[in-house]
Amino acid sequence: MIGFLRGKLVYKAPPFLMLDVQGVGYEVEAPMTTFYDLPALNEEIKLHTHLVVREDAHILFGFSTQADRALFRTLIKVSGVGPKLALTILSGQSAEEFHRCIHDNDTVALVRLPGVGKKTAERLVIEMRDRLPDLDASTPANINSDSTMPAIGNPKQEAVSALCSLGYKPLDASKMVQNISAEDKSCEDIIRLALQGALK
């Protein structure tokens, strides 16, 4: 099992990123909460990781905090929740917001996330109530605090593409970002605002 990776960030296009670890490029899928914490390209970072082994692929998931990884690992144990949906949940809500939804039986907020229907939300509340991981390990794991990066290309188009990767329909993703001003905003900033708007 690969517990963490420490290396140079060489590529990021949500939900994918790549780390150069001593000359080996590791492709990692990460939630948007991790992308918000990423430094500029070619800076060193550390990600807590979880490896999912399937018949057709080995997929490495990365998280900026141990709390996010613990929550991901707990989510994929819930019936009907796979790694992709767990990543979508972590992208749409912080670990703190998710904990609040579970404790308050707030299925309405959970249903706003793409791929989460009423039955899945109810199952999450029931199954997660007694096994929510501790939030103490919530400090970001990356080494540098500079999270600004000029977007390559059109940040709005990149944001739409990232939202589609998270499970939103292309038309919905376009609507989510159309009224957000891209001026002085990175792709990650636009996605954060779009997700915040979708959850209101």
N, C-alpha and C. Protein backbone atom coordinates (compact mmCIF):
# COMPACT_ATOMS: atom_id res chain seq x y z
N MET A 1 0.86 -1.20 0.00
CA MET A 1 0.00 0.00 0.00
C MET A 1 0.89 1.25 0.00
N ILE A 2 0.54 2.20 -0.82
CA ILE A 2 1.27 3.47 -0.87
C ILE A 2 0.56 4.43 0.09
N GLY A 3 1.23 4.79 1.19
CA GLY A 3 0.60 5.62 2.22
C GLY A 3 0.63 7.10 1.91
N PHE A 4 1.73 7.57 1.30
CA PHE A 4 1.81 8.98 0.91
C PHE A 4 2.84 9.13 -0.19
N LEU A 5 2.76 10.23 -0.89
CA LEU A 5 3.73 10.59 -1.92
C LEU A 5 4.25 11.98 -1.61
N ARG A 6 5.55 12.15 -1.73
CA ARG A 6 6.14 13.47 -1.62
C ARG A 6 6.95 13.71 -2.89
N GLY A 7 6.59 14.75 -3.62
CA GLY A 7 7.29 15.01 -4.87
C GLY A 7 6.91 16.34 -5.46
N LYS A 8 7.33 16.54 -6.70
CA LYS A 8 7.10 17.81 -7.39
C LYS A 8 5.81 17.72 -8.19
N LEU A 9 4.96 18.72 -8.03
CA LEU A 9 3.71 18.78 -8.78
C LEU A 9 4.01 19.20 -10.22
N VAL A 10 3.76 18.31 -11.17
CA VAL A 10 4.11 18.63 -12.56
C VAL A 10 2.90 18.83 -13.46
N TYR A 11 1.70 18.46 -12.98
CA TYR A 11 0.51 18.58 -13.83
C TYR A 11 -0.71 18.61 -12.93
N LYS A 12 -1.68 19.47 -13.27
CA LYS A 12 -2.96 19.42 -12.56
C LYS A 12 -4.08 19.89 -13.47
N ALA A 13 -5.08 19.05 -13.59
CA ALA A 13 -6.30 19.33 -14.34
C ALA A 13 -7.40 18.54 -13.64
N PRO A 14 -8.13 19.17 -12.73
CA PRO A 14 -9.09 18.46 -11.89
C PRO A 14 -9.94 17.47 -12.67
N PRO A 15 -10.11 16.25 -12.16
CA PRO A 15 -9.66 15.75 -10.86
C PRO A 15 -8.29 15.07 -10.89
N PHE A 16 -7.53 15.26 -11.97
CA PHE A 16 -6.25 14.56 -12.11
C PHE A 16 -5.07 15.48 -11.81
N LEU A 17 -4.03 14.88 -11.24
CA LEU A 17 -2.76 15.58 -11.07
C LEU A 17 -1.64 14.56 -11.17
N MET A 18 -0.43 15.06 -11.37
CA MET A 18 0.72 14.16 -11.46
C MET A 18 1.86 14.68 -10.60
N LEU A 19 2.46 13.75 -9.85
CA LEU A 19 3.61 14.06 -9.01
C LEU A 19 4.84 13.37 -9.58
N ASP A 20 5.92 14.12 -9.66
CA ASP A 20 7.22 13.55 -10.02
C ASP A 20 7.93 13.20 -8.72
N VAL A 21 8.00 11.89 -8.43
CA VAL A 21 8.66 11.43 -7.22
C VAL A 21 9.98 10.76 -7.62
N GLN A 22 11.06 11.50 -7.54
CA GLN A 22 12.40 11.02 -7.90
C GLN A 22 12.42 10.39 -9.30
N GLY A 23 11.80 11.11 -10.25
CA GLY A 23 11.84 10.67 -11.63
C GLY A 23 10.72 9.75 -12.06
N VAL A 24 9.83 9.37 -11.13
CA VAL A 24 8.68 8.52 -11.47
C VAL A 24 7.42 9.38 -11.38
N GLY A 25 6.63 9.41 -12.45
CA GLY A 25 5.41 10.20 -12.47
C GLY A 25 4.23 9.40 -11.96
N TYR A 26 3.63 9.83 -10.86
CA TYR A 26 2.46 9.17 -10.30
C TYR A 26 1.21 9.95 -10.69
N GLU A 27 0.30 9.30 -11.41
CA GLU A 27 -0.99 9.90 -11.73
C GLU A 27 -1.93 9.68 -10.55
N VAL A 28 -2.54 10.77 -10.10
CA VAL A 28 -3.38 10.72 -8.90
C VAL A 28 -4.70 11.41 -9.19
N GLU A 29 -5.79 10.84 -8.69
CA GLU A 29 -7.08 11.53 -8.72
C GLU A 29 -7.32 12.12 -7.34
N ALA A 30 -7.81 13.35 -7.31
CA ALA A 30 -7.98 14.04 -6.03
C ALA A 30 -9.28 14.84 -6.02
N PRO A 31 -9.87 15.03 -4.83
CA PRO A 31 -11.07 15.87 -4.73
C PRO A 31 -10.69 17.34 -4.84
N MET A 32 -11.68 18.18 -5.09
CA MET A 32 -11.42 19.61 -5.24
C MET A 32 -10.88 20.22 -3.94
N THR A 33 -11.24 19.66 -2.80
CA THR A 33 -10.72 20.17 -1.54
C THR A 33 -9.19 20.08 -1.51
N THR A 34 -8.65 19.08 -2.18
CA THR A 34 -7.19 18.94 -2.28
C THR A 34 -6.63 19.94 -3.28
N PHE A 35 -7.33 20.13 -4.39
CA PHE A 35 -6.86 21.08 -5.41
C PHE A 35 -6.78 22.50 -4.84
N TYR A 36 -7.69 22.85 -3.93
CA TYR A 36 -7.65 24.19 -3.34
C TYR A 36 -6.36 24.42 -2.55
N ASP A 37 -5.76 23.33 -2.06
CA ASP A 37 -4.55 23.44 -1.25
C ASP A 37 -3.25 23.31 -2.04
N LEU A 38 -3.35 23.01 -3.34
CA LEU A 38 -2.14 22.75 -4.12
C LEU A 38 -1.30 24.01 -4.33
N PRO A 39 0.02 23.83 -4.32
CA PRO A 39 0.92 24.95 -4.64
C PRO A 39 1.03 25.12 -6.15
N ALA A 40 1.90 26.00 -6.59
CA ALA A 40 2.14 26.20 -8.02
C ALA A 40 2.84 24.98 -8.60
N LEU A 41 2.79 24.85 -9.91
CA LEU A 41 3.49 23.75 -10.59
C LEU A 41 4.98 23.82 -10.25
N ASN A 42 5.58 22.63 -10.23
CA ASN A 42 7.01 22.45 -9.96
C ASN A 42 7.39 22.71 -8.50
N GLU A 43 6.38 22.91 -7.65
CA GLU A 43 6.64 23.01 -6.21
C GLU A 43 6.48 21.62 -5.58
N GLU A 44 7.11 21.41 -4.44
CA GLU A 44 7.03 20.11 -3.77
C GLU A 44 5.79 20.04 -2.90
N ILE A 45 5.13 18.88 -2.92
CA ILE A 45 3.95 18.65 -2.08
C ILE A 45 4.00 17.25 -1.50
N LYS A 46 3.17 17.03 -0.51
CA LYS A 46 2.97 15.70 0.05
C LYS A 46 1.49 15.41 0.02
N LEU A 47 1.12 14.24 -0.47
CA LEU A 47 -0.27 13.82 -0.51
C LEU A 47 -0.43 12.49 0.22
N HIS A 48 -1.46 12.41 1.04
CA HIS A 48 -1.84 11.14 1.65
C HIS A 48 -2.61 10.38 0.58
N THR A 49 -2.31 9.10 0.40
CA THR A 49 -2.87 8.38 -0.74
C THR A 49 -3.64 7.13 -0.34
N HIS A 50 -4.50 6.71 -1.25
CA HIS A 50 -5.25 5.46 -1.11
C HIS A 50 -5.26 4.80 -2.48
N LEU A 51 -4.85 3.54 -2.54
CA LEU A 51 -4.78 2.80 -3.80
C LEU A 51 -5.99 1.90 -3.93
N VAL A 52 -6.72 2.05 -5.03
CA VAL A 52 -7.86 1.19 -5.34
C VAL A 52 -7.44 0.24 -6.45
N VAL A 53 -7.55 -1.05 -6.18
CA VAL A 53 -7.14 -2.06 -7.16
C VAL A 53 -8.40 -2.68 -7.76
N ARG A 54 -8.51 -2.56 -9.09
CA ARG A 54 -9.61 -3.20 -9.81
C ARG A 54 -9.02 -4.17 -10.81
N GLU A 55 -9.87 -4.97 -11.44
CA GLU A 55 -9.39 -5.92 -12.43
C GLU A 55 -8.71 -5.21 -13.60
N ASP A 56 -9.26 -4.06 -13.97
CA ASP A 56 -8.76 -3.37 -15.17
C ASP A 56 -7.86 -2.18 -14.88
N ALA A 57 -7.67 -1.83 -13.60
CA ALA A 57 -6.85 -0.64 -13.30
C ALA A 57 -6.45 -0.59 -11.84
N HIS A 58 -5.33 0.08 -11.58
CA HIS A 58 -4.91 0.45 -10.23
C HIS A 58 -5.00 1.97 -10.19
N ILE A 59 -5.87 2.51 -9.34
CA ILE A 59 -6.12 3.95 -9.30
C ILE A 59 -5.65 4.51 -7.97
N LEU A 60 -4.81 5.53 -8.04
CA LEU A 60 -4.27 6.16 -6.84
C LEU A 60 -5.04 7.45 -6.57
N PHE A 61 -5.59 7.57 -5.37
CA PHE A 61 -6.31 8.77 -4.96
C PHE A 61 -5.45 9.52 -3.94
N GLY A 62 -5.42 10.86 -4.06
CA GLY A 62 -4.58 11.67 -3.19
C GLY A 62 -5.38 12.72 -2.43
N PHE A 63 -4.93 13.01 -1.21
CA PHE A 63 -5.65 13.93 -0.33
C PHE A 63 -4.66 14.81 0.41
N SER A 64 -5.03 16.07 0.59
CA SER A 64 -4.12 17.01 1.28
C SER A 64 -4.11 16.80 2.78
N THR A 65 -5.15 16.16 3.32
CA THR A 65 -5.19 15.90 4.76
C THR A 65 -5.50 14.44 5.04
N GLN A 66 -5.05 13.98 6.19
CA GLN A 66 -5.38 12.61 6.60
C GLN A 66 -6.87 12.47 6.88
N ALA A 67 -7.49 13.57 7.32
CA ALA A 67 -8.94 13.54 7.61
C ALA A 67 -9.73 13.27 6.33
N ASP A 68 -9.34 13.91 5.22
CA ASP A 68 -10.04 13.67 3.95
C ASP A 68 -9.85 12.23 3.49
N ARG A 69 -8.63 11.70 3.64
CA ARG A 69 -8.40 10.31 3.24
C ARG A 69 -9.21 9.35 4.12
N ALA A 70 -9.25 9.62 5.41
CA ALA A 70 -10.03 8.77 6.32
C ALA A 70 -11.51 8.79 5.95
N LEU A 71 -12.03 9.97 5.62
CA LEU A 71 -13.43 10.08 5.22
C LEU A 71 -13.67 9.33 3.91
N PHE A 72 -12.75 9.47 2.95
CA PHE A 72 -12.86 8.74 1.68
C PHE A 72 -12.92 7.23 1.94
N ARG A 73 -12.04 6.73 2.79
CA ARG A 73 -11.99 5.30 3.08
C ARG A 73 -13.27 4.82 3.75
N THR A 74 -13.86 5.68 4.57
CA THR A 74 -15.12 5.32 5.23
C THR A 74 -16.27 5.35 4.23
N LEU A 75 -16.27 6.35 3.35
CA LEU A 75 -17.34 6.47 2.35
C LEU A 75 -17.40 5.27 1.43
N ILE A 76 -16.24 4.76 0.98
CA ILE A 76 -16.28 3.66 0.00
C ILE A 76 -16.70 2.33 0.65
N LYS A 77 -16.86 2.33 1.96
CA LYS A 77 -17.38 1.13 2.63
C LYS A 77 -18.91 1.13 2.67
N VAL A 78 -19.51 2.28 2.34
CA VAL A 78 -20.97 2.39 2.34
C VAL A 78 -21.51 1.72 1.08
N SER A 79 -22.54 0.93 1.24
CA SER A 79 -23.16 0.22 0.12
C SER A 79 -23.61 1.21 -0.96
N GLY A 80 -23.17 0.98 -2.18
CA GLY A 80 -23.58 1.84 -3.30
C GLY A 80 -22.69 3.05 -3.52
N VAL A 81 -21.67 3.23 -2.67
CA VAL A 81 -20.75 4.37 -2.83
C VAL A 81 -19.39 3.84 -3.26
N GLY A 82 -19.00 4.15 -4.50
CA GLY A 82 -17.70 3.76 -5.00
C GLY A 82 -16.71 4.91 -4.89
N PRO A 83 -15.47 4.69 -5.32
CA PRO A 83 -14.46 5.74 -5.23
C PRO A 83 -14.84 7.03 -5.97
N LYS A 84 -15.48 6.90 -7.15
CA LYS A 84 -15.82 8.10 -7.92
C LYS A 84 -16.85 8.95 -7.19
N LEU A 85 -17.88 8.31 -6.63
CA LEU A 85 -18.89 9.06 -5.89
C LEU A 85 -18.30 9.64 -4.60
N ALA A 86 -17.42 8.88 -3.96
CA ALA A 86 -16.77 9.39 -2.74
C ALA A 86 -15.95 10.64 -3.06
N LEU A 87 -15.27 10.62 -4.21
CA LEU A 87 -14.49 11.78 -4.64
C LEU A 87 -15.40 12.98 -4.91
N THR A 88 -16.55 12.71 -5.52
CA THR A 88 -17.52 13.77 -5.80
C THR A 88 -18.05 14.38 -4.50
N ILE A 89 -18.33 13.54 -3.53
CA ILE A 89 -18.83 14.03 -2.23
C ILE A 89 -17.78 14.91 -1.57
N LEU A 90 -16.52 14.46 -1.58
CA LEU A 90 -15.43 15.24 -0.97
C LEU A 90 -15.16 16.52 -1.75
N SER A 91 -15.47 16.53 -3.04
CA SER A 91 -15.27 17.74 -3.85
C SER A 91 -16.36 18.77 -3.57
N GLY A 92 -17.55 18.28 -3.29
CA GLY A 92 -18.69 19.18 -3.09
C GLY A 92 -18.83 19.72 -1.69
N GLN A 93 -18.21 19.03 -0.72
CA GLN A 93 -18.31 19.46 0.67
C GLN A 93 -16.99 19.22 1.39
N SER A 94 -16.68 20.07 2.33
CA SER A 94 -15.51 19.82 3.17
C SER A 94 -15.86 18.70 4.14
N ALA A 95 -14.85 18.11 4.76
CA ALA A 95 -15.09 17.05 5.75
C ALA A 95 -15.97 17.58 6.88
N GLU A 96 -15.76 18.84 7.26
CA GLU A 96 -16.56 19.44 8.35
C GLU A 96 -18.03 19.55 7.94
N GLU A 97 -18.28 20.00 6.70
CA GLU A 97 -19.66 20.13 6.22
C GLU A 97 -20.34 18.77 6.15
N PHE A 98 -19.59 17.76 5.69
CA PHE A 98 -20.16 16.42 5.60
C PHE A 98 -20.52 15.89 6.99
N HIS A 99 -19.62 16.10 7.95
CA HIS A 99 -19.91 15.68 9.33
C HIS A 99 -21.19 16.34 9.83
N ARG A 100 -21.34 17.63 9.54
CA ARG A 100 -22.55 18.33 9.99
C ARG A 100 -23.80 17.72 9.37
N CYS A 101 -23.74 17.42 8.05
CA CYS A 101 -24.89 16.81 7.36
C CYS A 101 -25.29 15.49 8.01
N ILE A 102 -24.29 14.68 8.35
CA ILE A 102 -24.59 13.38 8.95
C ILE A 102 -25.18 13.55 10.35
N HIS A 103 -24.56 14.41 11.16
CA HIS A 103 -25.04 14.61 12.53
C HIS A 103 -26.42 15.25 12.57
N ASP A 104 -26.72 16.14 11.59
CA ASP A 104 -28.01 16.83 11.56
C ASP A 104 -29.06 16.12 10.71
N ASN A 105 -28.72 14.92 10.19
CA ASN A 105 -29.62 14.19 9.28
C ASN A 105 -30.05 15.05 8.10
N ASP A 106 -29.11 15.85 7.58
CA ASP A 106 -29.41 16.80 6.51
C ASP A 106 -29.26 16.13 5.13
N THR A 107 -30.26 15.33 4.77
CA THR A 107 -30.21 14.64 3.47
C THR A 107 -30.42 15.62 2.31
N VAL A 108 -31.06 16.75 2.58
CA VAL A 108 -31.32 17.75 1.52
C VAL A 108 -30.00 18.27 0.95
N ALA A 109 -29.05 18.59 1.83
CA ALA A 109 -27.75 19.09 1.38
C ALA A 109 -26.98 18.01 0.63
N LEU A 110 -27.11 16.76 1.06
CA LEU A 110 -26.40 15.66 0.40
C LEU A 110 -26.95 15.41 -1.00
N VAL A 111 -28.26 15.53 -1.16
CA VAL A 111 -28.90 15.28 -2.47
C VAL A 111 -28.47 16.31 -3.50
N ARG A 112 -28.02 17.48 -3.06
CA ARG A 112 -27.56 18.51 -4.01
C ARG A 112 -26.26 18.10 -4.71
N LEU A 113 -25.55 17.12 -4.16
CA LEU A 113 -24.31 16.66 -4.77
C LEU A 113 -24.64 15.76 -5.96
N PRO A 114 -23.89 15.87 -7.09
CA PRO A 114 -24.20 15.03 -8.25
C PRO A 114 -23.99 13.56 -7.93
N GLY A 115 -24.93 12.73 -8.36
CA GLY A 115 -24.81 11.30 -8.14
C GLY A 115 -25.39 10.82 -6.82
N VAL A 116 -25.81 11.76 -5.96
CA VAL A 116 -26.39 11.38 -4.67
C VAL A 116 -27.90 11.60 -4.73
N GLY A 117 -28.63 10.50 -4.78
CA GLY A 117 -30.09 10.56 -4.77
C GLY A 117 -30.59 10.50 -3.33
N LYS A 118 -31.91 10.53 -3.21
CA LYS A 118 -32.51 10.54 -1.86
C LYS A 118 -32.16 9.28 -1.09
N LYS A 119 -32.24 8.12 -1.76
CA LYS A 119 -31.95 6.86 -1.07
C LYS A 119 -30.48 6.77 -0.65
N THR A 120 -29.59 7.23 -1.53
CA THR A 120 -28.16 7.22 -1.20
C THR A 120 -27.88 8.15 -0.03
N ALA A 121 -28.52 9.33 -0.04
CA ALA A 121 -28.33 10.29 1.06
C ALA A 121 -28.80 9.69 2.38
N GLU A 122 -29.95 9.03 2.36
CA GLU A 122 -30.47 8.41 3.58
C GLU A 122 -29.55 7.29 4.05
N ARG A 123 -29.01 6.51 3.10
CA ARG A 123 -28.09 5.43 3.45
C ARG A 123 -26.80 6.00 4.05
N LEU A 124 -26.32 7.11 3.49
CA LEU A 124 -25.12 7.75 4.03
C LEU A 124 -25.33 8.17 5.48
N VAL A 125 -26.46 8.80 5.75
CA VAL A 125 -26.75 9.28 7.11
C VAL A 125 -26.82 8.10 8.08
N ILE A 126 -27.50 7.03 7.67
CA ILE A 126 -27.67 5.87 8.56
C ILE A 126 -26.34 5.15 8.79
N GLU A 127 -25.63 4.86 7.68
CA GLU A 127 -24.42 4.04 7.80
C GLU A 127 -23.21 4.82 8.31
N MET A 128 -23.18 6.14 8.08
CA MET A 128 -22.00 6.92 8.47
C MET A 128 -22.09 7.46 9.89
N ARG A 129 -23.28 7.49 10.46
CA ARG A 129 -23.48 8.15 11.75
C ARG A 129 -22.53 7.63 12.83
N ASP A 130 -22.34 6.32 12.89
CA ASP A 130 -21.52 5.73 13.95
C ASP A 130 -20.07 5.48 13.54
N ARG A 131 -19.73 5.78 12.31
CA ARG A 131 -18.35 5.50 11.91
C ARG A 131 -17.64 6.66 11.22
N LEU A 132 -18.09 7.86 11.49
CA LEU A 132 -17.40 9.03 10.93
C LEU A 132 -15.99 9.11 11.50
N PRO A 133 -14.98 9.28 10.63
CA PRO A 133 -13.61 9.39 11.13
C PRO A 133 -13.38 10.71 11.85
N ASP A 134 -12.34 10.73 12.69
CA ASP A 134 -11.99 11.92 13.46
C ASP A 134 -11.51 13.03 12.53
N LEU A 135 -11.85 14.25 12.87
CA LEU A 135 -11.45 15.40 12.05
C LEU A 135 -10.14 16.04 12.51
N ASP A 136 -9.48 15.47 13.51
CA ASP A 136 -8.29 16.12 14.07
C ASP A 136 -7.17 16.30 13.06
N ALA A 137 -7.02 15.34 12.14
CA ALA A 137 -5.91 15.40 11.18
C ALA A 137 -6.29 16.23 9.97
N SER A 138 -6.67 17.47 10.21
CA SER A 138 -7.20 18.29 9.12
C SER A 138 -6.21 19.31 8.58
N THR A 139 -4.97 19.27 9.04
CA THR A 139 -3.99 20.23 8.55
C THR A 139 -3.54 19.85 7.15
N PRO A 140 -3.52 20.75 6.20
CA PRO A 140 -3.08 20.41 4.86
C PRO A 140 -1.68 19.82 4.87
N ALA A 141 -1.48 18.82 4.00
CA ALA A 141 -0.21 18.11 3.99
C ALA A 141 0.81 18.71 3.04
N ASN A 142 0.39 19.67 2.22
CA ASN A 142 1.37 20.20 1.27
C ASN A 142 2.37 21.11 1.98
N ILE A 143 3.54 21.20 1.37
CA ILE A 143 4.65 21.86 2.03
C ILE A 143 4.62 23.36 1.85
N ASN A 144 4.18 23.82 0.71
CA ASN A 144 4.16 25.25 0.43
C ASN A 144 2.74 25.76 0.51
N SER A 145 2.60 27.00 0.94
CA SER A 145 1.25 27.56 1.09
C SER A 145 0.81 28.35 -0.13
N ASP A 146 1.69 28.54 -1.10
CA ASP A 146 1.33 29.31 -2.29
C ASP A 146 0.43 28.48 -3.18
N SER A 147 -0.87 28.77 -3.18
CA SER A 147 -1.81 27.95 -3.94
C SER A 147 -2.25 28.63 -5.23
N THR A 148 -1.63 29.73 -5.59
CA THR A 148 -2.03 30.40 -6.82
C THR A 148 -1.25 29.85 -7.99
N MET A 149 -1.96 29.67 -9.09
CA MET A 149 -1.31 29.18 -10.30
C MET A 149 -2.05 29.74 -11.49
N PRO A 150 -1.36 30.41 -12.39
CA PRO A 150 -2.06 30.90 -13.56
C PRO A 150 -2.59 29.74 -14.37
N ALA A 151 -3.84 29.82 -14.75
CA ALA A 151 -4.45 28.73 -15.51
C ALA A 151 -3.86 28.65 -16.91
N ILE A 152 -3.73 27.42 -17.39
CA ILE A 152 -3.25 27.22 -18.75
C ILE A 152 -4.50 27.15 -19.61
N GLY A 153 -4.65 28.07 -20.54
CA GLY A 153 -5.84 28.08 -21.37
C GLY A 153 -6.94 28.89 -20.71
N ASN A 154 -8.17 28.49 -20.99
CA ASN A 154 -9.34 29.20 -20.48
C ASN A 154 -9.78 28.59 -19.15
N PRO A 155 -9.68 29.33 -18.04
CA PRO A 155 -10.04 28.76 -16.74
C PRO A 155 -11.49 28.31 -16.66
N LYS A 156 -12.40 29.04 -17.34
CA LYS A 156 -13.81 28.64 -17.30
C LYS A 156 -14.03 27.30 -18.00
N GLN A 157 -13.38 27.12 -19.16
CA GLN A 157 -13.52 25.86 -19.88
C GLN A 157 -12.93 24.71 -19.06
N GLU A 158 -11.79 24.97 -18.42
CA GLU A 158 -11.18 23.94 -17.57
C GLU A 158 -12.09 23.61 -16.40
N ALA A 159 -12.75 24.63 -15.85
CA ALA A 159 -13.66 24.41 -14.72
C ALA A 159 -14.86 23.56 -15.16
N VAL A 160 -15.41 23.85 -16.33
CA VAL A 160 -16.55 23.06 -16.85
C VAL A 160 -16.12 21.61 -17.03
N SER A 161 -14.95 21.41 -17.61
CA SER A 161 -14.43 20.06 -17.83
C SER A 161 -14.25 19.31 -16.51
N ALA A 162 -13.72 20.02 -15.51
CA ALA A 162 -13.52 19.41 -14.19
C ALA A 162 -14.84 19.04 -13.54
N LEU A 163 -15.83 19.92 -13.64
CA LEU A 163 -17.15 19.64 -13.06
C LEU A 163 -17.81 18.44 -13.74
N CYS A 164 -17.60 18.31 -15.05
CA CYS A 164 -18.13 17.14 -15.77
C CYS A 164 -17.45 15.88 -15.26
N SER A 165 -16.16 15.96 -14.99
CA SER A 165 -15.42 14.80 -14.45
C SER A 165 -15.93 14.41 -13.07
N LEU A 166 -16.49 15.39 -12.35
CA LEU A 166 -17.02 15.12 -11.02
C LEU A 166 -18.46 14.61 -11.04
N GLY A 167 -19.04 14.49 -12.25
CA GLY A 167 -20.37 13.91 -12.35
C GLY A 167 -21.48 14.85 -12.78
N TYR A 168 -21.17 16.13 -12.95
CA TYR A 168 -22.20 17.07 -13.41
C TYR A 168 -22.39 16.93 -14.92
N LYS A 169 -23.61 17.13 -15.39
CA LYS A 169 -23.88 17.11 -16.83
C LYS A 169 -23.27 18.36 -17.46
N PRO A 170 -22.78 18.24 -18.72
CA PRO A 170 -22.12 19.39 -19.36
C PRO A 170 -22.95 20.68 -19.33
N LEU A 171 -24.25 20.57 -19.59
CA LEU A 171 -25.10 21.76 -19.59
C LEU A 171 -25.18 22.37 -18.19
N ASP A 172 -25.32 21.51 -17.18
CA ASP A 172 -25.38 21.99 -15.79
C ASP A 172 -24.05 22.63 -15.39
N ALA A 173 -22.95 21.99 -15.80
CA ALA A 173 -21.62 22.52 -15.46
C ALA A 173 -21.42 23.90 -16.09
N SER A 174 -21.86 24.06 -17.34
CA SER A 174 -21.74 25.35 -18.02
C SER A 174 -22.54 26.42 -17.31
N LYS A 175 -23.76 26.06 -16.89
CA LYS A 175 -24.62 27.02 -16.18
C LYS A 175 -24.00 27.43 -14.85
N MET A 176 -23.34 26.48 -14.20
CA MET A 176 -22.74 26.75 -12.89
C MET A 176 -21.63 27.78 -12.96
N VAL A 177 -20.90 27.82 -14.09
CA VAL A 177 -19.76 28.74 -14.18
C VAL A 177 -20.03 29.99 -15.02
N GLN A 178 -21.16 30.01 -15.74
CA GLN A 178 -21.37 31.10 -16.70
C GLN A 178 -21.42 32.49 -16.06
N ASN A 179 -21.95 32.59 -14.85
CA ASN A 179 -22.07 33.92 -14.21
C ASN A 179 -20.89 34.26 -13.29
N ILE A 180 -19.88 33.41 -13.30
CA ILE A 180 -18.70 33.67 -12.46
C ILE A 180 -17.66 34.39 -13.29
N SER A 181 -17.21 35.51 -12.80
CA SER A 181 -16.18 36.28 -13.50
C SER A 181 -14.84 35.55 -13.40
N ALA A 182 -14.21 35.34 -14.56
CA ALA A 182 -12.94 34.61 -14.58
C ALA A 182 -11.74 35.52 -14.34
N GLU A 183 -11.99 36.80 -14.21
CA GLU A 183 -10.89 37.76 -14.05
C GLU A 183 -10.12 37.49 -12.75
N ASP A 184 -8.81 37.30 -12.90
CA ASP A 184 -7.91 37.04 -11.77
C ASP A 184 -8.28 35.79 -10.97
N LYS A 185 -8.99 34.84 -11.61
CA LYS A 185 -9.37 33.62 -10.92
C LYS A 185 -8.76 32.41 -11.62
N SER A 186 -8.28 31.47 -10.81
CA SER A 186 -7.76 30.22 -11.37
C SER A 186 -8.94 29.28 -11.61
N CYS A 187 -8.66 28.19 -12.30
CA CYS A 187 -9.67 27.16 -12.53
C CYS A 187 -10.24 26.68 -11.19
N GLU A 188 -9.34 26.47 -10.20
CA GLU A 188 -9.78 25.99 -8.89
C GLU A 188 -10.71 26.99 -8.20
N ASP A 189 -10.42 28.28 -8.33
CA ASP A 189 -11.28 29.32 -7.74
C ASP A 189 -12.68 29.27 -8.33
N ILE A 190 -12.74 29.12 -9.67
CA ILE A 190 -14.04 29.08 -10.35
C ILE A 190 -14.83 27.84 -9.93
N ILE A 191 -14.14 26.70 -9.82
CA ILE A 191 -14.82 25.47 -9.40
C ILE A 191 -15.34 25.62 -7.98
N ARG A 192 -14.54 26.20 -7.11
CA ARG A 192 -14.96 26.39 -5.71
C ARG A 192 -16.23 27.24 -5.65
N LEU A 193 -16.25 28.36 -6.39
CA LEU A 193 -17.43 29.24 -6.41
C LEU A 193 -18.63 28.54 -7.03
N ALA A 194 -18.40 27.76 -8.08
CA ALA A 194 -19.50 27.05 -8.75
C ALA A 194 -20.12 26.02 -7.80
N LEU A 195 -19.26 25.29 -7.07
CA LEU A 195 -19.77 24.27 -6.14
C LEU A 195 -20.49 24.94 -4.97
N GLN A 196 -19.97 26.05 -4.50
CA GLN A 196 -20.65 26.77 -3.41
C GLN A 196 -22.02 27.25 -3.88
N GLY A 197 -22.10 27.75 -5.11
CA GLY A 197 -23.38 28.21 -5.66
C GLY A 197 -24.37 27.07 -5.83
N ALA A 198 -23.86 25.90 -6.21
CA ALA A 198 -24.75 24.74 -6.44
C ALA A 198 -25.35 24.21 -5.16
N LEU A 199 -24.67 24.44 -4.05
CA LEU A 199 -25.13 23.90 -2.78
C LEU A 199 -26.05 24.85 -2.02
N LYS A 200 -26.29 26.04 -2.60
CA LYS A 200 -27.18 27.00 -1.93
C LYS A 200 -28.63 26.69 -2.22
